[in-house]
């Protein structure tokens, strides 16, 4: 879910949602990201981390290539270090656009326990 304060405030009304699923046995991560209302063309979509108390973190991996539109889906096998960013709530999604190269919309990735 995209929530929490923006570190680089924008005047955008854009919204988005990211859903991640991690297969614990294989470390295969799948995702679906949806967004709407961007002020300009999307130029990047990444997971960033580890999240500092203030400021920005480096990109860990891309969720989309060039010329993407909503929805964005994908998968990859992630490392144990990347898993730790997710399970410790230290990662965020950042959607960059031509108008806002630092990120037009951004939100923390929060783990949720599976429903049994």
PDB file of N, CA and C in Angstrom:
ATOM      1  N   UNK A   1       0.834  -1.170   0.000  1.00  0.00           N
ATOM      2  CA  UNK A   1       0.000   0.000   0.000  1.00  0.00           C
ATOM      3  C   UNK A   1       0.881   1.236   0.000  1.00  0.00           C
ATOM      4  N   UNK A   2       0.471   2.281  -0.680  1.00  0.00           N
ATOM      5  CA  UNK A   2       1.222   3.523  -0.755  1.00  0.00           C
ATOM      6  C   UNK A   2       0.712   4.438   0.333  1.00  0.00           C
ATOM      7  N   UNK A   3       1.534   4.648   1.359  1.00  0.00           N
ATOM      8  CA  UNK A   3       1.133   5.549   2.426  1.00  0.00           C
ATOM      9  C   UNK A   3       2.362   6.235   2.989  1.00  0.00           C
ATOM     10  N   UNK A   4       2.179   7.077   3.960  1.00  0.00           N
ATOM     11  CA  UNK A   4       3.295   7.750   4.597  1.00  0.00           C
ATOM     12  C   UNK A   4       3.626   9.056   3.926  1.00  0.00           C
ATOM     13  N   UNK A   5       4.492   9.822   4.555  1.00  0.00           N
ATOM     14  CA  UNK A   5       4.809  11.153   4.048  1.00  0.00           C
ATOM     15  C   UNK A   5       5.673  11.107   2.800  1.00  0.00           C
ATOM     16  N   UNK A   6       5.500  12.090   1.953  1.00  0.00           N
ATOM     17  CA  UNK A   6       6.367  12.279   0.800  1.00  0.00           C
ATOM     18  C   UNK A   6       7.657  12.926   1.280  1.00  0.00           C
ATOM     19  N   UNK A   7       8.777  12.471   0.772  1.00  0.00           N
ATOM     20  CA  UNK A   7      10.063  13.080   1.109  1.00  0.00           C
ATOM     21  C   UNK A   7      10.399  14.198   0.135  1.00  0.00           C
ATOM     22  N   UNK A   8       9.855  14.117  -1.080  1.00  0.00           N
ATOM     23  CA  UNK A   8      10.010  15.176  -2.077  1.00  0.00           C
ATOM     24  C   UNK A   8       8.597  15.586  -2.472  1.00  0.00           C
ATOM     25  N   UNK A   9       7.984  16.500  -1.728  1.00  0.00           N
ATOM     26  CA  UNK A   9       6.573  16.844  -1.965  1.00  0.00           C
ATOM     27  C   UNK A   9       6.316  17.283  -3.404  1.00  0.00           C
ATOM     28  N   UNK A  10       5.140  16.940  -3.890  1.00  0.00           N
ATOM     29  CA  UNK A  10       4.713  17.313  -5.234  1.00  0.00           C
ATOM     30  C   UNK A  10       3.341  17.966  -5.136  1.00  0.00           C
ATOM     31  N   UNK A  11       2.929  18.589  -6.218  1.00  0.00           N
ATOM     32  CA  UNK A  11       1.571  19.136  -6.278  1.00  0.00           C
ATOM     33  C   UNK A  11       0.677  18.222  -7.111  1.00  0.00           C
ATOM     34  N   UNK A  12       1.033  16.964  -7.198  1.00  0.00           N
ATOM     35  CA  UNK A  12       0.321  15.986  -8.005  1.00  0.00           C
ATOM     36  C   UNK A  12      -0.854  15.389  -7.232  1.00  0.00           C
ATOM     37  N   UNK A  13      -1.929  15.104  -7.954  1.00  0.00           N
ATOM     38  CA  UNK A  13      -3.066  14.384  -7.393  1.00  0.00           C
ATOM     39  C   UNK A  13      -3.025  12.906  -7.765  1.00  0.00           C
ATOM     40  N   UNK A  14      -1.905  12.442  -8.308  1.00  0.00           N
ATOM     41  CA  UNK A  14      -1.780  11.050  -8.736  1.00  0.00           C
ATOM     42  C   UNK A  14      -1.924  10.107  -7.544  1.00  0.00           C
ATOM     43  N   UNK A  15      -2.439   8.913  -7.840  1.00  0.00           N
ATOM     44  CA  UNK A  15      -2.566   7.878  -6.818  1.00  0.00           C
ATOM     45  C   UNK A  15      -2.026   6.571  -7.376  1.00  0.00           C
ATOM     46  N   UNK A  16      -1.695   5.662  -6.471  1.00  0.00           N
ATOM     47  CA  UNK A  16      -1.194   4.370  -6.900  1.00  0.00           C
ATOM     48  C   UNK A  16      -1.326   3.330  -5.817  1.00  0.00           C
ATOM     49  N   UNK A  17      -1.185   2.073  -6.223  1.00  0.00           N
ATOM     50  CA  UNK A  17      -1.224   0.945  -5.301  1.00  0.00           C
ATOM     51  C   UNK A  17      -0.254  -0.101  -5.810  1.00  0.00           C
ATOM     52  N   UNK A  18       0.514  -0.664  -4.898  1.00  0.00           N
ATOM     53  CA  UNK A  18       1.435  -1.748  -5.239  1.00  0.00           C
ATOM     54  C   UNK A  18       1.142  -2.929  -4.331  1.00  0.00           C
ATOM     55  N   UNK A  19       1.054  -4.108  -4.927  1.00  0.00           N
ATOM     56  CA  UNK A  19       0.843  -5.338  -4.180  1.00  0.00           C
ATOM     57  C   UNK A  19       1.987  -6.288  -4.517  1.00  0.00           C
ATOM     58  N   UNK A  20       2.626  -6.800  -3.482  1.00  0.00           N
ATOM     59  CA  UNK A  20       3.740  -7.731  -3.637  1.00  0.00           C
ATOM     60  C   UNK A  20       3.379  -9.051  -2.977  1.00  0.00           C
ATOM     61  N   UNK A  21       3.844 -10.157  -3.566  1.00  0.00           N
ATOM     62  CA  UNK A  21       3.694 -11.476  -2.965  1.00  0.00           C
ATOM     63  C   UNK A  21       5.055 -12.153  -3.005  1.00  0.00           C
ATOM     64  N   UNK A  22       5.483 -12.671  -1.857  1.00  0.00           N
ATOM     65  CA  UNK A  22       6.767 -13.364  -1.764  1.00  0.00           C
ATOM     66  C   UNK A  22       6.530 -14.834  -1.474  1.00  0.00           C
ATOM     67  N   UNK A  23       7.064 -15.705  -2.350  1.00  0.00           N
ATOM     68  CA  UNK A  23       7.059 -17.139  -2.095  1.00  0.00           C
ATOM     69  C   UNK A  23       8.279 -17.446  -1.233  1.00  0.00           C
ATOM     70  N   UNK A  24       8.045 -17.793  -0.007  1.00  0.00           N
ATOM     71  CA  UNK A  24       9.139 -17.944   0.958  1.00  0.00           C
ATOM     72  C   UNK A  24      10.128 -19.044   0.577  1.00  0.00           C
ATOM     73  N   UNK A  25       9.645 -20.137  -0.012  1.00  0.00           N
ATOM     74  CA  UNK A  25      10.529 -21.259  -0.350  1.00  0.00           C
ATOM     75  C   UNK A  25      11.500 -20.933  -1.473  1.00  0.00           C
ATOM     76  N   UNK A  26      11.053 -20.143  -2.454  1.00  0.00           N
ATOM     77  CA  UNK A  26      11.874 -19.864  -3.634  1.00  0.00           C
ATOM     78  C   UNK A  26      12.409 -18.431  -3.681  1.00  0.00           C
ATOM     79  N   UNK A  27      11.909 -17.562  -2.801  1.00  0.00           N
ATOM     80  CA  UNK A  27      12.215 -16.124  -2.775  1.00  0.00           C
ATOM     81  C   UNK A  27      11.781 -15.429  -4.072  1.00  0.00           C
ATOM     82  N   UNK A  28      10.771 -15.992  -4.722  1.00  0.00           N
ATOM     83  CA  UNK A  28      10.199 -15.374  -5.923  1.00  0.00           C
ATOM     84  C   UNK A  28       9.217 -14.300  -5.494  1.00  0.00           C
ATOM     85  N   UNK A  29       9.495 -13.090  -5.935  1.00  0.00           N
ATOM     86  CA  UNK A  29       8.657 -11.939  -5.631  1.00  0.00           C
ATOM     87  C   UNK A  29       7.850 -11.597  -6.879  1.00  0.00           C
ATOM     88  N   UNK A  30       6.551 -11.452  -6.733  1.00  0.00           N
ATOM     89  CA  UNK A  30       5.703 -10.990  -7.825  1.00  0.00           C
ATOM     90  C   UNK A  30       5.051  -9.682  -7.397  1.00  0.00           C
ATOM     91  N   UNK A  31       4.675  -8.861  -8.386  1.00  0.00           N
ATOM     92  CA  UNK A  31       4.059  -7.587  -8.060  1.00  0.00           C
ATOM     93  C   UNK A  31       3.064  -7.147  -9.121  1.00  0.00           C
ATOM     94  N   UNK A  32       2.171  -6.290  -8.660  1.00  0.00           N
ATOM     95  CA  UNK A  32       1.268  -5.561  -9.538  1.00  0.00           C
ATOM     96  C   UNK A  32       1.205  -4.136  -9.001  1.00  0.00           C
ATOM     97  N   UNK A  33       1.458  -3.180  -9.877  1.00  0.00           N
ATOM     98  CA  UNK A  33       1.424  -1.769  -9.522  1.00  0.00           C
ATOM     99  C   UNK A  33       0.424  -1.082 -10.447  1.00  0.00           C
ATOM    100  N   UNK A  34      -0.499  -0.347  -9.849  1.00  0.00           N
ATOM    101  CA  UNK A  34      -1.451   0.437 -10.628  1.00  0.00           C
ATOM    102  C   UNK A  34      -1.291   1.903 -10.234  1.00  0.00           C
ATOM    103  N   UNK A  35      -1.574   2.784 -11.170  1.00  0.00           N
ATOM    104  CA  UNK A  35      -1.487   4.213 -10.898  1.00  0.00           C
ATOM    105  C   UNK A  35      -2.370   4.969 -11.864  1.00  0.00           C
ATOM    106  N   UNK A  36      -2.730   6.192 -11.468  1.00  0.00           N
ATOM    107  CA  UNK A  36      -3.538   7.042 -12.337  1.00  0.00           C
ATOM    108  C   UNK A  36      -3.322   8.498 -11.942  1.00  0.00           C
ATOM    109  N   UNK A  37      -3.617   9.372 -12.881  1.00  0.00           N
ATOM    110  CA  UNK A  37      -3.568  10.798 -12.614  1.00  0.00           C
ATOM    111  C   UNK A  37      -2.192  11.423 -12.625  1.00  0.00           C
ATOM    112  N   UNK A  38      -1.201  10.795 -13.265  1.00  0.00           N
ATOM    113  CA  UNK A  38       0.146  11.360 -13.310  1.00  0.00           C
ATOM    114  C   UNK A  38       0.146  12.683 -14.080  1.00  0.00           C
ATOM    115  N   UNK A  39       1.033  13.580 -13.703  1.00  0.00           N
ATOM    116  CA  UNK A  39       1.127  14.879 -14.368  1.00  0.00           C
ATOM    117  C   UNK A  39       1.916  14.822 -15.660  1.00  0.00           C
ATOM    118  N   UNK A  40       2.701  13.751 -15.845  1.00  0.00           N
ATOM    119  CA  UNK A  40       3.547  13.633 -17.036  1.00  0.00           C
ATOM    120  C   UNK A  40       3.883  12.162 -17.262  1.00  0.00           C
ATOM    121  N   UNK A  41       4.664  11.889 -18.275  1.00  0.00           N
ATOM    122  CA  UNK A  41       5.016  10.529 -18.669  1.00  0.00           C
ATOM    123  C   UNK A  41       5.846   9.833 -17.593  1.00  0.00           C
ATOM    124  N   UNK A  42       5.478   8.585 -17.222  1.00  0.00           N
ATOM    125  CA  UNK A  42       6.301   7.852 -16.260  1.00  0.00           C
ATOM    126  C   UNK A  42       7.672   7.540 -16.850  1.00  0.00           C
ATOM    127  N   UNK A  43       8.709   7.681 -16.027  1.00  0.00           N
ATOM    128  CA  UNK A  43      10.072   7.452 -16.508  1.00  0.00           C
ATOM    129  C   UNK A  43      10.821   6.395 -15.704  1.00  0.00           C
ATOM    130  N   UNK A  44      10.282   5.976 -14.586  1.00  0.00           N
ATOM    131  CA  UNK A  44      10.925   4.946 -13.783  1.00  0.00           C
ATOM    132  C   UNK A  44      10.012   4.476 -12.674  1.00  0.00           C
ATOM    133  N   UNK A  45      10.155   3.210 -12.315  1.00  0.00           N
ATOM    134  CA  UNK A  45       9.372   2.623 -11.234  1.00  0.00           C
ATOM    135  C   UNK A  45      10.281   1.649 -10.516  1.00  0.00           C
ATOM    136  N   UNK A  46      10.607   1.966  -9.264  1.00  0.00           N
ATOM    137  CA  UNK A  46      11.621   1.202  -8.539  1.00  0.00           C
ATOM    138  C   UNK A  46      11.204   0.899  -7.109  1.00  0.00           C
ATOM    139  N   UNK A  47      11.842  -0.134  -6.555  1.00  0.00           N
ATOM    140  CA  UNK A  47      11.863  -0.352  -5.110  1.00  0.00           C
ATOM    141  C   UNK A  47      13.140   0.307  -4.613  1.00  0.00           C
ATOM    142  N   UNK A  48      13.022   1.106  -3.573  1.00  0.00           N
ATOM    143  CA  UNK A  48      14.162   1.784  -2.960  1.00  0.00           C
ATOM    144  C   UNK A  48      14.321   1.299  -1.526  1.00  0.00           C
ATOM    145  N   UNK A  49      15.531   1.378  -0.998  1.00  0.00           N
ATOM    146  CA  UNK A  49      15.763   1.021   0.401  1.00  0.00           C
ATOM    147  C   UNK A  49      17.247   0.924   0.692  1.00  0.00           C
ATOM    148  N   UNK A  50      17.660   0.766   1.937  1.00  0.00           N
ATOM    149  CA  UNK A  50      16.799   0.846   3.109  1.00  0.00           C
ATOM    150  C   UNK A  50      16.354   2.286   3.362  1.00  0.00           C
ATOM    151  N   UNK A  51      15.142   2.420   3.867  1.00  0.00           N
ATOM    152  CA  UNK A  51      14.542   3.728   4.063  1.00  0.00           C
ATOM    153  C   UNK A  51      15.176   4.439   5.246  1.00  0.00           C
ATOM    154  N   UNK A  52      15.775   5.612   5.013  1.00  0.00           N
ATOM    155  CA  UNK A  52      16.286   6.402   6.133  1.00  0.00           C
ATOM    156  C   UNK A  52      15.153   7.148   6.818  1.00  0.00           C
ATOM    157  N   UNK A  53      15.403   7.641   8.012  1.00  0.00           N
ATOM    158  CA  UNK A  53      14.384   8.403   8.740  1.00  0.00           C
ATOM    159  C   UNK A  53      13.933   9.602   7.926  1.00  0.00           C
ATOM    160  N   UNK A  54      14.831  10.244   7.244  1.00  0.00           N
ATOM    161  CA  UNK A  54      14.527  11.378   6.372  1.00  0.00           C
ATOM    162  C   UNK A  54      15.296  11.195   5.072  1.00  0.00           C
ATOM    163  N   UNK A  55      14.793  11.762   4.011  1.00  0.00           N
ATOM    164  CA  UNK A  55      15.508  11.723   2.742  1.00  0.00           C
ATOM    165  C   UNK A  55      15.136  10.537   1.895  1.00  0.00           C
ATOM    166  N   UNK A  56      16.019  10.206   0.967  1.00  0.00           N
ATOM    167  CA  UNK A  56      15.764   9.158  -0.003  1.00  0.00           C
ATOM    168  C   UNK A  56      16.803   8.064   0.092  1.00  0.00           C
ATOM    169  N   UNK A  57      16.437   6.889  -0.386  1.00  0.00           N
ATOM    170  CA  UNK A  57      17.340   5.743  -0.425  1.00  0.00           C
ATOM    171  C   UNK A  57      17.607   5.395  -1.889  1.00  0.00           C
ATOM    172  N   UNK A  58      18.689   4.677  -2.159  1.00  0.00           N
ATOM    173  CA  UNK A  58      18.972   4.286  -3.540  1.00  0.00           C
ATOM    174  C   UNK A  58      17.976   3.251  -4.055  1.00  0.00           C
ATOM    175  N   UNK A  59      17.841   3.188  -5.372  1.00  0.00           N
ATOM    176  CA  UNK A  59      17.003   2.165  -5.994  1.00  0.00           C
ATOM    177  C   UNK A  59      17.649   0.797  -5.776  1.00  0.00           C
ATOM    178  N   UNK A  60      16.847  -0.180  -5.403  1.00  0.00           N
ATOM    179  CA  UNK A  60      17.316  -1.551  -5.211  1.00  0.00           C
ATOM    180  C   UNK A  60      17.109  -2.349  -6.499  1.00  0.00           C
ATOM    181  N   UNK A  61      15.914  -2.239  -7.090  1.00  0.00           N
ATOM    182  CA  UNK A  61      15.659  -2.859  -8.387  1.00  0.00           C
ATOM    183  C   UNK A  61      14.454  -2.198  -9.043  1.00  0.00           C
ATOM    184  N   UNK A  62      14.407  -2.331 -10.362  1.00  0.00           N
ATOM    185  CA  UNK A  62      13.321  -1.739 -11.155  1.00  0.00           C
ATOM    186  C   UNK A  62      12.119  -2.684 -11.172  1.00  0.00           C
ATOM    187  N   UNK A  63      10.933  -2.091 -11.166  1.00  0.00           N
ATOM    188  CA  UNK A  63       9.687  -2.841 -11.291  1.00  0.00           C
ATOM    189  C   UNK A  63       9.148  -2.799 -12.712  1.00  0.00           C
ATOM    190  N   UNK A  64       9.701  -1.909 -13.543  1.00  0.00           N
ATOM    191  CA  UNK A  64       9.240  -1.763 -14.926  1.00  0.00           C
ATOM    192  C   UNK A  64      10.397  -1.298 -15.788  1.00  0.00           C
ATOM    193  N   UNK A  65      10.296  -1.619 -17.070  1.00  0.00           N
ATOM    194  CA  UNK A  65      11.262  -1.119 -18.043  1.00  0.00           C
ATOM    195  C   UNK A  65      10.806   0.231 -18.562  1.00  0.00           C
ATOM    196  N   UNK A  66      11.203   0.562 -19.764  1.00  0.00           N
ATOM    197  CA  UNK A  66      10.820   1.839 -20.367  1.00  0.00           C
ATOM    198  C   UNK A  66       9.415   1.763 -20.947  1.00  0.00           C
ATOM    199  N   UNK A  67       8.801   2.929 -21.121  1.00  0.00           N
ATOM    200  CA  UNK A  67       7.492   3.059 -21.774  1.00  0.00           C
ATOM    201  C   UNK A  67       6.423   2.180 -21.133  1.00  0.00           C
ATOM    202  N   UNK A  68       6.266   2.259 -19.824  1.00  0.00           N
ATOM    203  CA  UNK A  68       5.284   1.431 -19.143  1.00  0.00           C
ATOM    204  C   UNK A  68       4.001   2.208 -18.864  1.00  0.00           C
ATOM    205  N   UNK A  69       2.924   1.455 -18.732  1.00  0.00           N
ATOM    206  CA  UNK A  69       1.614   2.000 -18.398  1.00  0.00           C
ATOM    207  C   UNK A  69       1.012   1.147 -17.282  1.00  0.00           C
ATOM    208  N   UNK A  70      -0.009   1.646 -16.663  1.00  0.00           N
ATOM    209  CA  UNK A  70      -0.697   0.919 -15.598  1.00  0.00           C
ATOM    210  C   UNK A  70      -1.661  -0.087 -16.206  1.00  0.00           C
ATOM    211  N   UNK A  71      -1.701  -1.305 -15.686  1.00  0.00           N
ATOM    212  CA  UNK A  71      -0.968  -1.843 -14.556  1.00  0.00           C
ATOM    213  C   UNK A  71       0.393  -2.399 -14.977  1.00  0.00           C
ATOM    214  N   UNK A  72       1.308  -2.438 -14.017  1.00  0.00           N
ATOM    215  CA  UNK A  72       2.634  -3.017 -14.221  1.00  0.00           C
ATOM    216  C   UNK A  72       2.690  -4.307 -13.402  1.00  0.00           C
ATOM    217  N   UNK A  73       3.042  -5.404 -14.044  1.00  0.00           N
ATOM    218  CA  UNK A  73       3.206  -6.669 -13.331  1.00  0.00           C
ATOM    219  C   UNK A  73       4.600  -7.203 -13.613  1.00  0.00           C
ATOM    220  N   UNK A  74       5.103  -7.996 -12.687  1.00  0.00           N
ATOM    221  CA  UNK A  74       6.420  -8.582 -12.899  1.00  0.00           C
ATOM    222  C   UNK A  74       6.769  -9.564 -11.817  1.00  0.00           C
ATOM    223  N   UNK A  75       7.942 -10.151 -11.964  1.00  0.00           N
ATOM    224  CA  UNK A  75       8.448 -11.100 -10.976  1.00  0.00           C
ATOM    225  C   UNK A  75       9.959 -11.186 -11.081  1.00  0.00           C
ATOM    226  N   UNK A  76      10.566 -11.583  -9.994  1.00  0.00           N
ATOM    227  CA  UNK A  76      12.002 -11.861  -9.950  1.00  0.00           C
ATOM    228  C   UNK A  76      12.305 -12.592  -8.664  1.00  0.00           C
ATOM    229  N   UNK A  77      13.407 -13.322  -8.653  1.00  0.00           N
ATOM    230  CA  UNK A  77      13.903 -13.945  -7.433  1.00  0.00           C
ATOM    231  C   UNK A  77      14.771 -12.900  -6.741  1.00  0.00           C
ATOM    232  N   UNK A  78      14.494 -12.673  -5.464  1.00  0.00           N
ATOM    233  CA  UNK A  78      15.237 -11.647  -4.732  1.00  0.00           C
ATOM    234  C   UNK A  78      16.218 -12.296  -3.763  1.00  0.00           C
ATOM    235  N   UNK A  79      17.202 -11.512  -3.354  1.00  0.00           N
ATOM    236  CA  UNK A  79      18.239 -11.996  -2.438  1.00  0.00           C
ATOM    237  C   UNK A  79      17.739 -11.941  -0.987  1.00  0.00           C
ATOM    238  N   UNK A  80      18.448 -12.612  -0.113  1.00  0.00           N
ATOM    239  CA  UNK A  80      18.116 -12.574   1.317  1.00  0.00           C
ATOM    240  C   UNK A  80      18.181 -11.130   1.825  1.00  0.00           C
ATOM    241  N   UNK A  81      19.156 -10.362   1.362  1.00  0.00           N
ATOM    242  CA  UNK A  81      19.252  -8.953   1.757  1.00  0.00           C
ATOM    243  C   UNK A  81      18.033  -8.156   1.322  1.00  0.00           C
ATOM    244  N   UNK A  82      17.541  -8.422   0.118  1.00  0.00           N
ATOM    245  CA  UNK A  82      16.343  -7.741  -0.359  1.00  0.00           C
ATOM    246  C   UNK A  82      15.112  -8.185   0.422  1.00  0.00           C
ATOM    247  N   UNK A  83      15.055  -9.477   0.770  1.00  0.00           N
ATOM    248  CA  UNK A  83      13.955  -9.964   1.606  1.00  0.00           C
ATOM    249  C   UNK A  83      13.923  -9.191   2.915  1.00  0.00           C
ATOM    250  N   UNK A  84      15.101  -8.968   3.510  1.00  0.00           N
ATOM    251  CA  UNK A  84      15.142  -8.275   4.803  1.00  0.00           C
ATOM    252  C   UNK A  84      14.582  -6.858   4.704  1.00  0.00           C
ATOM    253  N   UNK A  85      14.771  -6.181   3.570  1.00  0.00           N
ATOM    254  CA  UNK A  85      14.186  -4.846   3.392  1.00  0.00           C
ATOM    255  C   UNK A  85      12.663  -4.917   3.450  1.00  0.00           C
ATOM    256  N   UNK A  86      12.103  -5.974   2.844  1.00  0.00           N
ATOM    257  CA  UNK A  86      10.652  -6.125   2.823  1.00  0.00           C
ATOM    258  C   UNK A  86      10.108  -6.493   4.204  1.00  0.00           C
ATOM    259  N   UNK A  87      10.689  -7.494   4.839  1.00  0.00           N
ATOM    260  CA  UNK A  87      10.123  -7.967   6.116  1.00  0.00           C
ATOM    261  C   UNK A  87      10.365  -6.985   7.265  1.00  0.00           C
ATOM    262  N   UNK A  88      11.350  -6.114   7.133  1.00  0.00           N
ATOM    263  CA  UNK A  88      11.607  -5.104   8.164  1.00  0.00           C
ATOM    264  C   UNK A  88      10.954  -3.755   7.835  1.00  0.00           C
ATOM    265  N   UNK A  89      10.127  -3.732   6.788  1.00  0.00           N
ATOM    266  CA  UNK A  89       9.432  -2.497   6.377  1.00  0.00           C
ATOM    267  C   UNK A  89      10.417  -1.361   6.088  1.00  0.00           C
ATOM    268  N   UNK A  90      11.498  -1.675   5.379  1.00  0.00           N
ATOM    269  CA  UNK A  90      12.535  -0.686   5.074  1.00  0.00           C
ATOM    270  C   UNK A  90      12.590  -0.328   3.597  1.00  0.00           C
ATOM    271  N   UNK A  91      11.549  -0.667   2.840  1.00  0.00           N
ATOM    272  CA  UNK A  91      11.544  -0.401   1.401  1.00  0.00           C
ATOM    273  C   UNK A  91      10.342   0.458   1.025  1.00  0.00           C
ATOM    274  N   UNK A  92      10.477   1.142  -0.101  1.00  0.00           N
ATOM    275  CA  UNK A  92       9.355   1.911  -0.634  1.00  0.00           C
ATOM    276  C   UNK A  92       9.359   1.847  -2.153  1.00  0.00           C
ATOM    277  N   UNK A  93       8.191   2.126  -2.734  1.00  0.00           N
ATOM    278  CA  UNK A  93       8.032   2.195  -4.184  1.00  0.00           C
ATOM    279  C   UNK A  93       8.070   3.663  -4.565  1.00  0.00           C
ATOM    280  N   UNK A  94       8.789   3.962  -5.638  1.00  0.00           N
ATOM    281  CA  UNK A  94       8.873   5.339  -6.127  1.00  0.00           C
ATOM    282  C   UNK A  94       8.596   5.324  -7.622  1.00  0.00           C
ATOM    283  N   UNK A  95       7.597   6.111  -8.038  1.00  0.00           N
ATOM    284  CA  UNK A  95       7.257   6.235  -9.449  1.00  0.00           C
ATOM    285  C   UNK A  95       7.736   7.602  -9.917  1.00  0.00           C
ATOM    286  N   UNK A  96       8.741   7.591 -10.788  1.00  0.00           N
ATOM    287  CA  UNK A  96       9.358   8.809 -11.320  1.00  0.00           C
ATOM    288  C   UNK A  96       8.642   9.220 -12.604  1.00  0.00           C
ATOM    289  N   UNK A  97       8.526  10.511 -12.822  1.00  0.00           N
ATOM    290  CA  UNK A  97       7.947  11.019 -14.072  1.00  0.00           C
ATOM    291  C   UNK A  97       8.851  12.104 -14.633  1.00  0.00           C
ATOM    292  N   UNK A  98       8.577  12.502 -15.868  1.00  0.00           N
ATOM    293  CA  UNK A  98       9.399  13.552 -16.473  1.00  0.00           C
ATOM    294  C   UNK A  98       9.261  14.872 -15.716  1.00  0.00           C
ATOM    295  N   UNK A  99       8.086  15.160 -15.176  1.00  0.00           N
ATOM    296  CA  UNK A  99       7.913  16.403 -14.403  1.00  0.00           C
ATOM    297  C   UNK A  99       8.542  16.300 -13.023  1.00  0.00           C
ATOM    298  N   UNK A 100       8.484  15.103 -12.421  1.00  0.00           N
ATOM    299  CA  UNK A 100       9.028  14.878 -11.082  1.00  0.00           C
ATOM    300  C   UNK A 100      10.054  13.749 -11.128  1.00  0.00           C
ATOM    301  N   UNK A 101      11.282  14.037 -11.565  1.00  0.00           N
ATOM    302  CA  UNK A 101      12.284  12.974 -11.701  1.00  0.00           C
ATOM    303  C   UNK A 101      12.690  12.327 -10.374  1.00  0.00           C
ATOM    304  N   UNK A 102      12.467  13.021  -9.253  1.00  0.00           N
ATOM    305  CA  UNK A 102      12.763  12.427  -7.942  1.00  0.00           C
ATOM    306  C   UNK A 102      11.636  11.513  -7.466  1.00  0.00           C
ATOM    307  N   UNK A 103      10.509  11.572  -8.159  1.00  0.00           N
ATOM    308  CA  UNK A 103       9.364  10.728  -7.824  1.00  0.00           C
ATOM    309  C   UNK A 103       8.093  11.536  -7.700  1.00  0.00           C
ATOM    310  N   UNK A 104       7.095  11.156  -8.484  1.00  0.00           N
ATOM    311  CA  UNK A 104       5.800  11.848  -8.395  1.00  0.00           C
ATOM    312  C   UNK A 104       4.942  11.252  -7.295  1.00  0.00           C
ATOM    313  N   UNK A 105       4.939   9.932  -7.192  1.00  0.00           N
ATOM    314  CA  UNK A 105       4.251   9.284  -6.077  1.00  0.00           C
ATOM    315  C   UNK A 105       5.175   8.238  -5.484  1.00  0.00           C
ATOM    316  N   UNK A 106       5.077   8.094  -4.167  1.00  0.00           N
ATOM    317  CA  UNK A 106       5.987   7.239  -3.421  1.00  0.00           C
ATOM    318  C   UNK A 106       5.231   6.702  -2.218  1.00  0.00           C
ATOM    319  N   UNK A 107       5.493   5.459  -1.875  1.00  0.00           N
ATOM    320  CA  UNK A 107       4.830   4.897  -0.711  1.00  0.00           C
ATOM    321  C   UNK A 107       5.607   3.754  -0.100  1.00  0.00           C
ATOM    322  N   UNK A 108       5.518   3.649   1.207  1.00  0.00           N
ATOM    323  CA  UNK A 108       6.187   2.592   1.961  1.00  0.00           C
ATOM    324  C   UNK A 108       5.586   1.238   1.650  1.00  0.00           C
ATOM    325  N   UNK A 109       6.425   0.222   1.643  1.00  0.00           N
ATOM    326  CA  UNK A 109       5.970  -1.154   1.498  1.00  0.00           C
ATOM    327  C   UNK A 109       5.848  -1.725   2.903  1.00  0.00           C
ATOM    328  N   UNK A 110       4.659  -2.148   3.248  1.00  0.00           N
ATOM    329  CA  UNK A 110       4.388  -2.702   4.582  1.00  0.00           C
ATOM    330  C   UNK A 110       4.009  -4.165   4.456  1.00  0.00           C
ATOM    331  N   UNK A 111       4.657  -5.005   5.247  1.00  0.00           N
ATOM    332  CA  UNK A 111       4.344  -6.435   5.180  1.00  0.00           C
ATOM    333  C   UNK A 111       2.987  -6.699   5.837  1.00  0.00           C
ATOM    334  N   UNK A 112       2.326  -7.723   5.320  1.00  0.00           N
ATOM    335  CA  UNK A 112       1.090  -8.202   5.881  1.00  0.00           C
ATOM    336  C   UNK A 112       1.203  -9.704   6.025  1.00  0.00           C
ATOM    337  N   UNK A 113       0.707 -10.212   7.115  1.00  0.00           N
ATOM    338  CA  UNK A 113       0.719 -11.656   7.313  1.00  0.00           C
ATOM    339  C   UNK A 113      -0.343 -12.294   6.427  1.00  0.00           C
ATOM    340  N   UNK A 114      -0.062 -13.490   5.894  1.00  0.00           N
ATOM    341  CA  UNK A 114      -1.053 -14.151   5.048  1.00  0.00           C
ATOM    342  C   UNK A 114      -2.315 -14.480   5.837  1.00  0.00           C
ATOM    343  N   UNK A 115      -3.429 -14.430   5.119  1.00  0.00           N
ATOM    344  CA  UNK A 115      -4.709 -14.829   5.719  1.00  0.00           C
ATOM    345  C   UNK A 115      -4.784 -16.361   5.743  1.00  0.00           C
ATOM    346  N   UNK A 116      -5.060 -16.916   6.866  1.00  0.00           N
ATOM    347  CA  UNK A 116      -5.158 -18.395   6.975  1.00  0.00           C
ATOM    348  C   UNK A 116      -6.583 -18.833   7.095  1.00  0.00           C
TER     349      UNK A 116
END
